[in-house]
Amino acid sequence: MAFPFLYGLDARTTAETLGAYIETSSDPPYVQATAFVLTPTGTVDLAVYSSANVGRLRAVEALSRIEPRGAPSGRESVIRRNSEEAIVHLTAILSTQMEKRRSQRSGS
């Protein structure tokens, strides 16, 4: 893959960290659709939480929130760079939260 992504996270910890809905009737439980558009500084510009197909963030909606800064050309590279920065930022937040949970459980 040409971009970072998350997988194998603990569903309960992830849902609690993000404030997302969790589906517990399945085994293993899973996090319902949760989407964010972050600014380059890491603040949340848009957050969407959904437990059904209605109300999920579509690509066109996410892209409409991302504006290129600078030249009018190169929109794709700006979108890609901003998206990668946002994913890295969110990964760091989740990793920190999960490490705190592990420490609390182990009594460290």
PDB file of N, CA and C in Angstrom:
ATOM      1  N   MET A   1       0.828  -1.174   0.000  1.00  0.00           N
ATOM      2  CA  MET A   1       0.000   0.000   0.000  1.00  0.00           C
ATOM      3  C   MET A   1       0.879   1.246   0.000  1.00  0.00           C
ATOM      4  N   ALA A   2       0.380   2.271  -0.611  1.00  0.00           N
ATOM      5  CA  ALA A   2       1.129   3.513  -0.716  1.00  0.00           C
ATOM      6  C   ALA A   2       0.788   4.496   0.398  1.00  0.00           C
ATOM      7  N   PHE A   3      -0.043   4.085   1.365  1.00  0.00           N
ATOM      8  CA  PHE A   3      -0.418   4.973   2.452  1.00  0.00           C
ATOM      9  C   PHE A   3      -0.595   4.146   3.721  1.00  0.00           C
ATOM     10  N   PRO A   4      -0.422   4.776   4.890  1.00  0.00           N
ATOM     11  CA  PRO A   4      -0.565   4.035   6.143  1.00  0.00           C
ATOM     12  C   PRO A   4      -2.030   3.741   6.444  1.00  0.00           C
ATOM     13  N   PHE A   5      -2.282   2.628   7.119  1.00  0.00           N
ATOM     14  CA  PHE A   5      -3.638   2.306   7.562  1.00  0.00           C
ATOM     15  C   PHE A   5      -3.550   1.482   8.836  1.00  0.00           C
ATOM     16  N   LEU A   6      -4.656   1.415   9.552  1.00  0.00           N
ATOM     17  CA  LEU A   6      -4.721   0.695  10.817  1.00  0.00           C
ATOM     18  C   LEU A   6      -5.486  -0.609  10.648  1.00  0.00           C
ATOM     19  N   TYR A   7      -5.086  -1.622  11.377  1.00  0.00           N
ATOM     20  CA  TYR A   7      -5.836  -2.871  11.408  1.00  0.00           C
ATOM     21  C   TYR A   7      -5.498  -3.599  12.704  1.00  0.00           C
ATOM     22  N   GLY A   8      -6.341  -4.518  13.095  1.00  0.00           N
ATOM     23  CA  GLY A   8      -6.079  -5.341  14.261  1.00  0.00           C
ATOM     24  C   GLY A   8      -6.194  -4.624  15.594  1.00  0.00           C
ATOM     25  N   LEU A   9      -6.845  -3.482  15.626  1.00  0.00           N
ATOM     26  CA  LEU A   9      -6.996  -2.758  16.886  1.00  0.00           C
ATOM     27  C   LEU A   9      -8.071  -3.402  17.749  1.00  0.00           C
ATOM     28  N   ASP A  10      -7.944  -3.242  19.052  1.00  0.00           N
ATOM     29  CA  ASP A  10      -8.970  -3.715  19.967  1.00  0.00           C
ATOM     30  C   ASP A  10     -10.225  -2.863  19.770  1.00  0.00           C
ATOM     31  N   ALA A  11     -11.335  -3.499  19.430  1.00  0.00           N
ATOM     32  CA  ALA A  11     -12.558  -2.770  19.081  1.00  0.00           C
ATOM     33  C   ALA A  11     -13.082  -1.928  20.243  1.00  0.00           C
ATOM     34  N   ARG A  12     -13.079  -2.468  21.435  1.00  0.00           N
ATOM     35  CA  ARG A  12     -13.627  -1.717  22.574  1.00  0.00           C
ATOM     36  C   ARG A  12     -12.781  -0.475  22.895  1.00  0.00           C
ATOM     37  N   THR A  13     -11.476  -0.631  22.906  1.00  0.00           N
ATOM     38  CA  THR A  13     -10.589   0.498  23.186  1.00  0.00           C
ATOM     39  C   THR A  13     -10.689   1.552  22.092  1.00  0.00           C
ATOM     40  N   THR A  14     -10.722   1.096  20.843  1.00  0.00           N
ATOM     41  CA  THR A  14     -10.825   2.025  19.721  1.00  0.00           C
ATOM     42  C   THR A  14     -12.139   2.796  19.772  1.00  0.00           C
ATOM     43  N   ALA A  15     -13.239   2.092  20.026  1.00  0.00           N
ATOM     44  CA  ALA A  15     -14.544   2.747  20.099  1.00  0.00           C
ATOM     45  C   ALA A  15     -14.584   3.766  21.231  1.00  0.00           C
ATOM     46  N   GLU A  16     -14.013   3.411  22.366  1.00  0.00           N
ATOM     47  CA  GLU A  16     -14.002   4.340  23.499  1.00  0.00           C
ATOM     48  C   GLU A  16     -13.129   5.559  23.187  1.00  0.00           C
ATOM     49  N   THR A  17     -11.992   5.343  22.557  1.00  0.00           N
ATOM     50  CA  THR A  17     -11.078   6.435  22.226  1.00  0.00           C
ATOM     51  C   THR A  17     -11.702   7.404  21.231  1.00  0.00           C
ATOM     52  N   LEU A  18     -12.383   6.856  20.222  1.00  0.00           N
ATOM     53  CA  LEU A  18     -12.975   7.689  19.175  1.00  0.00           C
ATOM     54  C   LEU A  18     -14.379   8.167  19.507  1.00  0.00           C
ATOM     55  N   GLY A  19     -15.003   7.577  20.517  1.00  0.00           N
ATOM     56  CA  GLY A  19     -16.390   7.891  20.805  1.00  0.00           C
ATOM     57  C   GLY A  19     -17.322   7.250  19.796  1.00  0.00           C
ATOM     58  N   ALA A  20     -16.892   6.155  19.211  1.00  0.00           N
ATOM     59  CA  ALA A  20     -17.646   5.490  18.145  1.00  0.00           C
ATOM     60  C   ALA A  20     -18.617   4.466  18.704  1.00  0.00           C
ATOM     61  N   TYR A  21     -19.548   4.057  17.851  1.00  0.00           N
ATOM     62  CA  TYR A  21     -20.451   2.962  18.188  1.00  0.00           C
ATOM     63  C   TYR A  21     -19.706   1.645  18.023  1.00  0.00           C
ATOM     64  N   ILE A  22     -20.041   0.673  18.863  1.00  0.00           N
ATOM     65  CA  ILE A  22     -19.428  -0.644  18.749  1.00  0.00           C
ATOM     66  C   ILE A  22     -20.532  -1.690  18.605  1.00  0.00           C
ATOM     67  N   GLU A  23     -20.317  -2.626  17.714  1.00  0.00           N
ATOM     68  CA  GLU A  23     -21.257  -3.726  17.508  1.00  0.00           C
ATOM     69  C   GLU A  23     -20.758  -4.908  18.331  1.00  0.00           C
ATOM     70  N   THR A  24     -21.500  -5.234  19.391  1.00  0.00           N
ATOM     71  CA  THR A  24     -21.067  -6.297  20.299  1.00  0.00           C
ATOM     72  C   THR A  24     -21.789  -7.614  20.072  1.00  0.00           C
ATOM     73  N   SER A  25     -22.772  -7.627  19.159  1.00  0.00           N
ATOM     74  CA  SER A  25     -23.511  -8.868  18.926  1.00  0.00           C
ATOM     75  C   SER A  25     -22.745  -9.845  18.032  1.00  0.00           C
ATOM     76  N   SER A  26     -21.619  -9.404  17.493  1.00  0.00           N
ATOM     77  CA  SER A  26     -20.809 -10.293  16.673  1.00  0.00           C
ATOM     78  C   SER A  26     -19.559 -10.699  17.445  1.00  0.00           C
ATOM     79  N   ASP A  27     -18.930 -11.761  16.995  1.00  0.00           N
ATOM     80  CA  ASP A  27     -17.709 -12.222  17.631  1.00  0.00           C
ATOM     81  C   ASP A  27     -16.626 -12.337  16.583  1.00  0.00           C
ATOM     82  N   PRO A  28     -15.630 -11.499  16.592  1.00  0.00           N
ATOM     83  CA  PRO A  28     -15.340 -10.473  17.594  1.00  0.00           C
ATOM     84  C   PRO A  28     -16.165  -9.204  17.362  1.00  0.00           C
ATOM     85  N   PRO A  29     -16.284  -8.366  18.389  1.00  0.00           N
ATOM     86  CA  PRO A  29     -17.000  -7.095  18.210  1.00  0.00           C
ATOM     87  C   PRO A  29     -16.235  -6.209  17.227  1.00  0.00           C
ATOM     88  N   TYR A  30     -16.921  -5.259  16.626  1.00  0.00           N
ATOM     89  CA  TYR A  30     -16.263  -4.355  15.696  1.00  0.00           C
ATOM     90  C   TYR A  30     -16.806  -2.942  15.845  1.00  0.00           C
ATOM     91  N   VAL A  31     -15.986  -1.984  15.413  1.00  0.00           N
ATOM     92  CA  VAL A  31     -16.341  -0.568  15.480  1.00  0.00           C
ATOM     93  C   VAL A  31     -17.186  -0.225  14.261  1.00  0.00           C
ATOM     94  N   GLN A  32     -18.304   0.450  14.500  1.00  0.00           N
ATOM     95  CA  GLN A  32     -19.143   0.912  13.399  1.00  0.00           C
ATOM     96  C   GLN A  32     -18.430   2.038  12.646  1.00  0.00           C
ATOM     97  N   ALA A  33     -18.939   2.376  11.478  1.00  0.00           N
ATOM     98  CA  ALA A  33     -18.307   3.392  10.628  1.00  0.00           C
ATOM     99  C   ALA A  33     -18.086   4.690  11.395  1.00  0.00           C
ATOM    100  N   THR A  34     -16.845   5.149  11.381  1.00  0.00           N
ATOM    101  CA  THR A  34     -16.443   6.385  12.033  1.00  0.00           C
ATOM    102  C   THR A  34     -15.447   7.058  11.109  1.00  0.00           C
ATOM    103  N   ALA A  35     -15.679   8.311  10.783  1.00  0.00           N
ATOM    104  CA  ALA A  35     -14.794   8.993   9.839  1.00  0.00           C
ATOM    105  C   ALA A  35     -14.483  10.406  10.327  1.00  0.00           C
ATOM    106  N   PHE A  36     -13.272  10.841  10.053  1.00  0.00           N
ATOM    107  CA  PHE A  36     -12.834  12.172  10.434  1.00  0.00           C
ATOM    108  C   PHE A  36     -12.128  12.832   9.270  1.00  0.00           C
ATOM    109  N   VAL A  37     -12.281  14.132   9.168  1.00  0.00           N
ATOM    110  CA  VAL A  37     -11.437  14.952   8.300  1.00  0.00           C
ATOM    111  C   VAL A  37     -10.682  15.860   9.253  1.00  0.00           C
ATOM    112  N   LEU A  38      -9.358  15.747   9.243  1.00  0.00           N
ATOM    113  CA  LEU A  38      -8.520  16.542  10.130  1.00  0.00           C
ATOM    114  C   LEU A  38      -7.822  17.641   9.349  1.00  0.00           C
ATOM    115  N   THR A  39      -7.571  18.741  10.028  1.00  0.00           N
ATOM    116  CA  THR A  39      -6.787  19.813   9.424  1.00  0.00           C
ATOM    117  C   THR A  39      -5.318  19.405   9.479  1.00  0.00           C
ATOM    118  N   PRO A  40      -4.451  20.096   8.754  1.00  0.00           N
ATOM    119  CA  PRO A  40      -3.022  19.763   8.817  1.00  0.00           C
ATOM    120  C   PRO A  40      -2.431  19.882  10.224  1.00  0.00           C
ATOM    121  N   THR A  41      -3.061  20.665  11.095  1.00  0.00           N
ATOM    122  CA  THR A  41      -2.573  20.788  12.472  1.00  0.00           C
ATOM    123  C   THR A  41      -3.140  19.718  13.392  1.00  0.00           C
ATOM    124  N   GLY A  42      -4.025  18.876  12.863  1.00  0.00           N
ATOM    125  CA  GLY A  42      -4.554  17.769  13.639  1.00  0.00           C
ATOM    126  C   GLY A  42      -5.876  18.035  14.323  1.00  0.00           C
ATOM    127  N   THR A  43      -6.474  19.199  14.140  1.00  0.00           N
ATOM    128  CA  THR A  43      -7.789  19.441  14.725  1.00  0.00           C
ATOM    129  C   THR A  43      -8.870  18.826  13.831  1.00  0.00           C
ATOM    130  N   VAL A  44      -9.962  18.441  14.444  1.00  0.00           N
ATOM    131  CA  VAL A  44     -11.050  17.799  13.704  1.00  0.00           C
ATOM    132  C   VAL A  44     -11.862  18.860  12.977  1.00  0.00           C
ATOM    133  N   ASP A  45     -11.938  18.728  11.663  1.00  0.00           N
ATOM    134  CA  ASP A  45     -12.741  19.626  10.838  1.00  0.00           C
ATOM    135  C   ASP A  45     -14.142  19.049  10.668  1.00  0.00           C
ATOM    136  N   LEU A  46     -14.242  17.727  10.585  1.00  0.00           N
ATOM    137  CA  LEU A  46     -15.521  17.048  10.395  1.00  0.00           C
ATOM    138  C   LEU A  46     -15.439  15.667  11.016  1.00  0.00           C
ATOM    139  N   ALA A  47     -16.459  15.283  11.769  1.00  0.00           N
ATOM    140  CA  ALA A  47     -16.534  13.940  12.348  1.00  0.00           C
ATOM    141  C   ALA A  47     -17.902  13.357  12.033  1.00  0.00           C
ATOM    142  N   VAL A  48     -17.915  12.099  11.608  1.00  0.00           N
ATOM    143  CA  VAL A  48     -19.161  11.418  11.269  1.00  0.00           C
ATOM    144  C   VAL A  48     -19.161  10.058  11.954  1.00  0.00           C
ATOM    145  N   TYR A  49     -20.211   9.800  12.702  1.00  0.00           N
ATOM    146  CA  TYR A  49     -20.388   8.520  13.390  1.00  0.00           C
ATOM    147  C   TYR A  49     -21.675   7.895  12.870  1.00  0.00           C
ATOM    148  N   SER A  50     -21.653   6.602  12.589  1.00  0.00           N
ATOM    149  CA  SER A  50     -22.848   5.972  12.048  1.00  0.00           C
ATOM    150  C   SER A  50     -22.916   4.511  12.463  1.00  0.00           C
ATOM    151  N   SER A  51     -24.120   4.058  12.739  1.00  0.00           N
ATOM    152  CA  SER A  51     -24.323   2.633  13.023  1.00  0.00           C
ATOM    153  C   SER A  51     -25.181   2.000  11.937  1.00  0.00           C
ATOM    154  N   ALA A  52     -25.351   2.700  10.836  1.00  0.00           N
ATOM    155  CA  ALA A  52     -26.121   2.188   9.694  1.00  0.00           C
ATOM    156  C   ALA A  52     -25.527   2.759   8.414  1.00  0.00           C
ATOM    157  N   ASN A  53     -26.051   2.343   7.277  1.00  0.00           N
ATOM    158  CA  ASN A  53     -25.532   2.851   6.004  1.00  0.00           C
ATOM    159  C   ASN A  53     -25.831   4.331   5.802  1.00  0.00           C
ATOM    160  N   VAL A  54     -26.924   4.806   6.368  1.00  0.00           N
ATOM    161  CA  VAL A  54     -27.293   6.209   6.228  1.00  0.00           C
ATOM    162  C   VAL A  54     -26.371   7.055   7.112  1.00  0.00           C
ATOM    163  N   GLY A  55     -25.889   8.154   6.563  1.00  0.00           N
ATOM    164  CA  GLY A  55     -25.091   9.081   7.346  1.00  0.00           C
ATOM    165  C   GLY A  55     -23.604   8.848   7.322  1.00  0.00           C
ATOM    166  N   ARG A  56     -23.131   7.930   6.520  1.00  0.00           N
ATOM    167  CA  ARG A  56     -21.690   7.695   6.437  1.00  0.00           C
ATOM    168  C   ARG A  56     -21.030   8.747   5.558  1.00  0.00           C
ATOM    169  N   LEU A  57     -19.785   9.050   5.868  1.00  0.00           N
ATOM    170  CA  LEU A  57     -19.038  10.042   5.104  1.00  0.00           C
ATOM    171  C   LEU A  57     -18.656   9.463   3.751  1.00  0.00           C
ATOM    172  N   ARG A  58     -19.061  10.157   2.695  1.00  0.00           N
ATOM    173  CA  ARG A  58     -18.699   9.733   1.338  1.00  0.00           C
ATOM    174  C   ARG A  58     -17.441  10.472   0.910  1.00  0.00           C
ATOM    175  N   ALA A  59     -16.714   9.893  -0.026  1.00  0.00           N
ATOM    176  CA  ALA A  59     -15.459  10.495  -0.486  1.00  0.00           C
ATOM    177  C   ALA A  59     -15.669  11.915  -0.987  1.00  0.00           C
ATOM    178  N   VAL A  60     -16.738  12.142  -1.723  1.00  0.00           N
ATOM    179  CA  VAL A  60     -16.988  13.477  -2.271  1.00  0.00           C
ATOM    180  C   VAL A  60     -17.171  14.503  -1.154  1.00  0.00           C
ATOM    181  N   GLU A  61     -17.785  14.108  -0.057  1.00  0.00           N
ATOM    182  CA  GLU A  61     -17.955  15.017   1.079  1.00  0.00           C
ATOM    183  C   GLU A  61     -16.619  15.299   1.756  1.00  0.00           C
ATOM    184  N   ALA A  62     -15.813  14.259   1.931  1.00  0.00           N
ATOM    185  CA  ALA A  62     -14.499  14.447   2.550  1.00  0.00           C
ATOM    186  C   ALA A  62     -13.623  15.346   1.687  1.00  0.00           C
ATOM    187  N   LEU A  63     -13.615  15.081   0.390  1.00  0.00           N
ATOM    188  CA  LEU A  63     -12.787  15.880  -0.516  1.00  0.00           C
ATOM    189  C   LEU A  63     -13.236  17.335  -0.573  1.00  0.00           C
ATOM    190  N   SER A  64     -14.528  17.577  -0.402  1.00  0.00           N
ATOM    191  CA  SER A  64     -15.019  18.960  -0.444  1.00  0.00           C
ATOM    192  C   SER A  64     -14.522  19.773   0.747  1.00  0.00           C
ATOM    193  N   ARG A  65     -14.098  19.097   1.816  1.00  0.00           N
ATOM    194  CA  ARG A  65     -13.591  19.793   3.008  1.00  0.00           C
ATOM    195  C   ARG A  65     -12.105  20.117   2.908  1.00  0.00           C
ATOM    196  N   ILE A  66     -11.418  19.492   1.951  1.00  0.00           N
ATOM    197  CA  ILE A  66      -9.976  19.660   1.834  1.00  0.00           C
ATOM    198  C   ILE A  66      -9.683  20.667   0.733  1.00  0.00           C
ATOM    199  N   GLU A  67      -9.093  21.778   1.105  1.00  0.00           N
ATOM    200  CA  GLU A  67      -8.774  22.819   0.137  1.00  0.00           C
ATOM    201  C   GLU A  67      -7.270  22.876  -0.052  1.00  0.00           C
ATOM    202  N   PRO A  68      -6.829  22.939  -1.290  1.00  0.00           N
ATOM    203  CA  PRO A  68      -5.387  23.073  -1.513  1.00  0.00           C
ATOM    204  C   PRO A  68      -4.899  24.419  -1.015  1.00  0.00           C
ATOM    205  N   ARG A  69      -3.740  24.413  -0.418  1.00  0.00           N
ATOM    206  CA  ARG A  69      -3.139  25.663   0.042  1.00  0.00           C
ATOM    207  C   ARG A  69      -2.008  25.999  -0.910  1.00  0.00           C
ATOM    208  N   GLY A  70      -2.110  27.123  -1.603  1.00  0.00           N
ATOM    209  CA  GLY A  70      -1.065  27.509  -2.549  1.00  0.00           C
ATOM    210  C   GLY A  70      -1.598  27.515  -3.958  1.00  0.00           C
ATOM    211  N   ALA A  71      -0.878  26.889  -4.842  1.00  0.00           N
ATOM    212  CA  ALA A  71      -1.198  26.904  -6.270  1.00  0.00           C
ATOM    213  C   ALA A  71      -2.505  26.180  -6.567  1.00  0.00           C
ATOM    214  N   PRO A  72      -3.264  26.651  -7.579  1.00  0.00           N
ATOM    215  CA  PRO A  72      -4.511  25.997  -7.942  1.00  0.00           C
ATOM    216  C   PRO A  72      -4.310  24.602  -8.528  1.00  0.00           C
ATOM    217  N   SER A  73      -3.119  24.317  -9.064  1.00  0.00           N
ATOM    218  CA  SER A  73      -2.853  22.975  -9.589  1.00  0.00           C
ATOM    219  C   SER A  73      -2.284  22.109  -8.476  1.00  0.00           C
ATOM    220  N   GLY A  74      -2.262  20.805  -8.706  1.00  0.00           N
ATOM    221  CA  GLY A  74      -1.688  19.883  -7.726  1.00  0.00           C
ATOM    222  C   GLY A  74      -2.630  19.513  -6.604  1.00  0.00           C
ATOM    223  N   ARG A  75      -3.922  19.651  -6.837  1.00  0.00           N
ATOM    224  CA  ARG A  75      -4.901  19.333  -5.794  1.00  0.00           C
ATOM    225  C   ARG A  75      -4.740  17.907  -5.270  1.00  0.00           C
ATOM    226  N   GLU A  76      -4.487  16.955  -6.167  1.00  0.00           N
ATOM    227  CA  GLU A  76      -4.370  15.563  -5.741  1.00  0.00           C
ATOM    228  C   GLU A  76      -3.213  15.364  -4.771  1.00  0.00           C
ATOM    229  N   SER A  77      -2.077  16.019  -5.055  1.00  0.00           N
ATOM    230  CA  SER A  77      -0.928  15.847  -4.162  1.00  0.00           C
ATOM    231  C   SER A  77      -1.181  16.502  -2.807  1.00  0.00           C
ATOM    232  N   VAL A  78      -1.896  17.622  -2.798  1.00  0.00           N
ATOM    233  CA  VAL A  78      -2.240  18.281  -1.536  1.00  0.00           C
ATOM    234  C   VAL A  78      -3.190  17.398  -0.732  1.00  0.00           C
ATOM    235  N   ILE A  79      -4.192  16.858  -1.397  1.00  0.00           N
ATOM    236  CA  ILE A  79      -5.141  15.970  -0.718  1.00  0.00           C
ATOM    237  C   ILE A  79      -4.416  14.767  -0.151  1.00  0.00           C
ATOM    238  N   ARG A  80      -3.548  14.170  -0.947  1.00  0.00           N
ATOM    239  CA  ARG A  80      -2.799  12.995  -0.494  1.00  0.00           C
ATOM    240  C   ARG A  80      -1.927  13.340   0.713  1.00  0.00           C
ATOM    241  N   ARG A  81      -1.176  14.458   0.641  1.00  0.00           N
ATOM    242  CA  ARG A  81      -0.297  14.841   1.738  1.00  0.00           C
ATOM    243  C   ARG A  81      -1.108  15.114   3.005  1.00  0.00           C
ATOM    244  N   ASN A  82      -2.194  15.883   2.891  1.00  0.00           N
ATOM    245  CA  ASN A  82      -3.028  16.176   4.057  1.00  0.00           C
ATOM    246  C   ASN A  82      -3.639  14.908   4.629  1.00  0.00           C
ATOM    247  N   SER A  83      -4.076  13.999   3.768  1.00  0.00           N
ATOM    248  CA  SER A  83      -4.676  12.740   4.226  1.00  0.00           C
ATOM    249  C   SER A  83      -3.647  11.896   4.966  1.00  0.00           C
ATOM    250  N   GLU A  84      -2.451  11.814   4.422  1.00  0.00           N
ATOM    251  CA  GLU A  84      -1.398  11.033   5.069  1.00  0.00           C
ATOM    252  C   GLU A  84      -1.030  11.631   6.421  1.00  0.00           C
ATOM    253  N   GLU A  85      -0.934  12.961   6.499  1.00  0.00           N
ATOM    254  CA  GLU A  85      -0.639  13.617   7.771  1.00  0.00           C
ATOM    255  C   GLU A  85      -1.745  13.336   8.795  1.00  0.00           C
ATOM    256  N   ALA A  86      -2.986  13.385   8.361  1.00  0.00           N
ATOM    257  CA  ALA A  86      -4.117  13.128   9.262  1.00  0.00           C
ATOM    258  C   ALA A  86      -4.099  11.691   9.750  1.00  0.00           C
ATOM    259  N   ILE A  87      -3.813  10.738   8.865  1.00  0.00           N
ATOM    260  CA  ILE A  87      -3.759   9.326   9.256  1.00  0.00           C
ATOM    261  C   ILE A  87      -2.636   9.091  10.252  1.00  0.00           C
ATOM    262  N   VAL A  88      -1.483   9.676  10.003  1.00  0.00           N
ATOM    263  CA  VAL A  88      -0.360   9.533  10.930  1.00  0.00           C
ATOM    264  C   VAL A  88      -0.724  10.119  12.287  1.00  0.00           C
ATOM    265  N   HIS A  89      -1.380  11.283  12.282  1.00  0.00           N
ATOM    266  CA  HIS A  89      -1.780  11.923  13.534  1.00  0.00           C
ATOM    267  C   HIS A  89      -2.786  11.045  14.295  1.00  0.00           C
ATOM    268  N   LEU A  90      -3.793  10.535  13.607  1.00  0.00           N
ATOM    269  CA  LEU A  90      -4.791   9.683  14.252  1.00  0.00           C
ATOM    270  C   LEU A  90      -4.164   8.384  14.745  1.00  0.00           C
ATOM    271  N   THR A  91      -3.241   7.821  13.988  1.00  0.00           N
ATOM    272  CA  THR A  91      -2.538   6.607  14.411  1.00  0.00           C
ATOM    273  C   THR A  91      -1.796   6.862  15.711  1.00  0.00           C
ATOM    274  N   ALA A  92      -1.139   8.012  15.818  1.00  0.00           N
ATOM    275  CA  ALA A  92      -0.407   8.351  17.037  1.00  0.00           C
ATOM    276  C   ALA A  92      -1.350   8.487  18.230  1.00  0.00           C
ATOM    277  N   ILE A  93      -2.495   9.110  18.021  1.00  0.00           N
ATOM    278  CA  ILE A  93      -3.483   9.265  19.098  1.00  0.00           C
ATOM    279  C   ILE A  93      -3.962   7.893  19.571  1.00  0.00           C
ATOM    280  N   LEU A  94      -4.340   7.034  18.621  1.00  0.00           N
ATOM    281  CA  LEU A  94      -4.832   5.706  18.985  1.00  0.00           C
ATOM    282  C   LEU A  94      -3.752   4.873  19.669  1.00  0.00           C
ATOM    283  N   SER A  95      -2.539   4.942  19.173  1.00  0.00           N
ATOM    284  CA  SER A  95      -1.437   4.189  19.777  1.00  0.00           C
ATOM    285  C   SER A  95      -1.201   4.628  21.213  1.00  0.00           C
ATOM    286  N   THR A  96      -1.238   5.939  21.449  1.00  0.00           N
ATOM    287  CA  THR A  96      -1.055   6.467  22.792  1.00  0.00           C
ATOM    288  C   THR A  96      -2.163   5.988  23.723  1.00  0.00           C
ATOM    289  N   GLN A  97      -3.410   6.056  23.258  1.00  0.00           N
ATOM    290  CA  GLN A  97      -4.538   5.615  24.070  1.00  0.00           C
ATOM    291  C   GLN A  97      -4.451   4.124  24.386  1.00  0.00           C
ATOM    292  N   MET A  98      -4.078   3.330  23.397  1.00  0.00           N
ATOM    293  CA  MET A  98      -3.983   1.887  23.617  1.00  0.00           C
ATOM    294  C   MET A  98      -2.842   1.549  24.579  1.00  0.00           C
ATOM    295  N   GLU A  99      -1.730   2.270  24.493  1.00  0.00           N
ATOM    296  CA  GLU A  99      -0.612   2.050  25.408  1.00  0.00           C
ATOM    297  C   GLU A  99      -1.006   2.418  26.837  1.00  0.00           C
ATOM    298  N   LYS A 100      -1.771   3.500  27.002  1.00  0.00           N
ATOM    299  CA  LYS A 100      -2.265   3.876  28.330  1.00  0.00           C
ATOM    300  C   LYS A 100      -3.135   2.770  28.904  1.00  0.00           C
ATOM    301  N   ARG A 101      -4.011   2.200  28.062  1.00  0.00           N
ATOM    302  CA  ARG A 101      -4.886   1.107  28.506  1.00  0.00           C
ATOM    303  C   ARG A 101      -4.070  -0.096  28.950  1.00  0.00           C
ATOM    304  N   ARG A 102      -3.058  -0.450  28.158  1.00  0.00           N
ATOM    305  CA  ARG A 102      -2.228  -1.608  28.510  1.00  0.00           C
ATOM    306  C   ARG A 102      -1.537  -1.376  29.842  1.00  0.00           C
ATOM    307  N   SER A 103      -1.037  -0.163  30.028  1.00  0.00           N
ATOM    308  CA  SER A 103      -0.350   0.174  31.289  1.00  0.00           C
ATOM    309  C   SER A 103      -1.308   0.092  32.473  1.00  0.00           C
ATOM    310  N   GLN A 104      -2.533   0.594  32.296  1.00  0.00           N
ATOM    311  CA  GLN A 104      -3.532   0.554  33.364  1.00  0.00           C
ATOM    312  C   GLN A 104      -3.892  -0.885  33.710  1.00  0.00           C
ATOM    313  N   ARG A 105      -4.031  -1.728  32.699  1.00  0.00           N
ATOM    314  CA  ARG A 105      -4.398  -3.136  32.932  1.00  0.00           C
ATOM    315  C   ARG A 105      -3.281  -3.913  33.610  1.00  0.00           C
ATOM    316  N   SER A 106      -2.038  -3.586  33.268  1.00  0.00           N
ATOM    317  CA  SER A 106      -0.911  -4.314  33.841  1.00  0.00           C
ATOM    318  C   SER A 106      -0.508  -3.742  35.196  1.00  0.00           C
ATOM    319  N   GLY A 107      -1.094  -2.589  35.566  1.00  0.00           N
ATOM    320  CA  GLY A 107      -0.803  -1.977  36.863  1.00  0.00           C
ATOM    321  C   GLY A 107       0.495  -1.201  36.895  1.00  0.00           C
ATOM    322  N   SER A 108       1.021  -0.883  35.707  1.00  0.00           N
ATOM    323  CA  SER A 108       2.282  -0.111  35.635  1.00  0.00           C
ATOM    324  C   SER A 108       2.015   1.353  35.812  1.00  0.00           C
TER     325      SER A 108
END
